[in-house]
Amino acid sequence: MKSIVAIYPGTFDPITHGHTDVVRRASQLFEQVIVAVTTNLSKTPVFELAQRVQLAQQVLAEYPQVTVQGFNGLLAEFAKQVQAKVIIRGLRAVSDFEYEFQLAGMNRILIPEIETLFLTPAAQYSYLSSSLVREIAILGGAVDAFVHPTVLKALQERMRR
């Protein structure tokens, strides 16, 4: 049987328990999952790309078939480069659907040979987003329930600067 490469793209600024849950689910479906950490021109990240890659690698170390790679540029080009056949996208709520549906449609035009698969996180993570975690951390709130201890430490160090 041919191995299918799936990619899970995002900024992961920071990676949360919700992201990890989607990765866990994807790793049960595919023999190889690449967490594709990217820059987003419309966002100002808390962590630089290299640190987001490193944090994701540490958080996801328990999943042997998962690798983490940083990339810049168009997702379609990265997907072709790594020979992906599936793009994983997480859907938390109905509010995510319109944007994700639009992305999937555009990717279908750019890379018709690659399918988009939507996965939902466990119910306890359906409200969770990196944006909310960043905002809570910036305002001095506790985020330990939302992120891995490694990420918590990095956020605490970053907020002290």
Foldseek 3Di string as FASTA:
>chain_A
DDFAEEEEEDQPLPPWVQNVQLVVVVVVVGQAYEHEHEDDPVDDGLDDRVVNQVQCCVVNVVRVRYHYDYDYDDPLVVCVVVVHQEYEYEALDPVVPVVVVVVQVVSCVSPVSHHYDYDYGPNVCSVPDSVVLLVCLLVPHDCPVIHDPVVSVVSVVSSVD
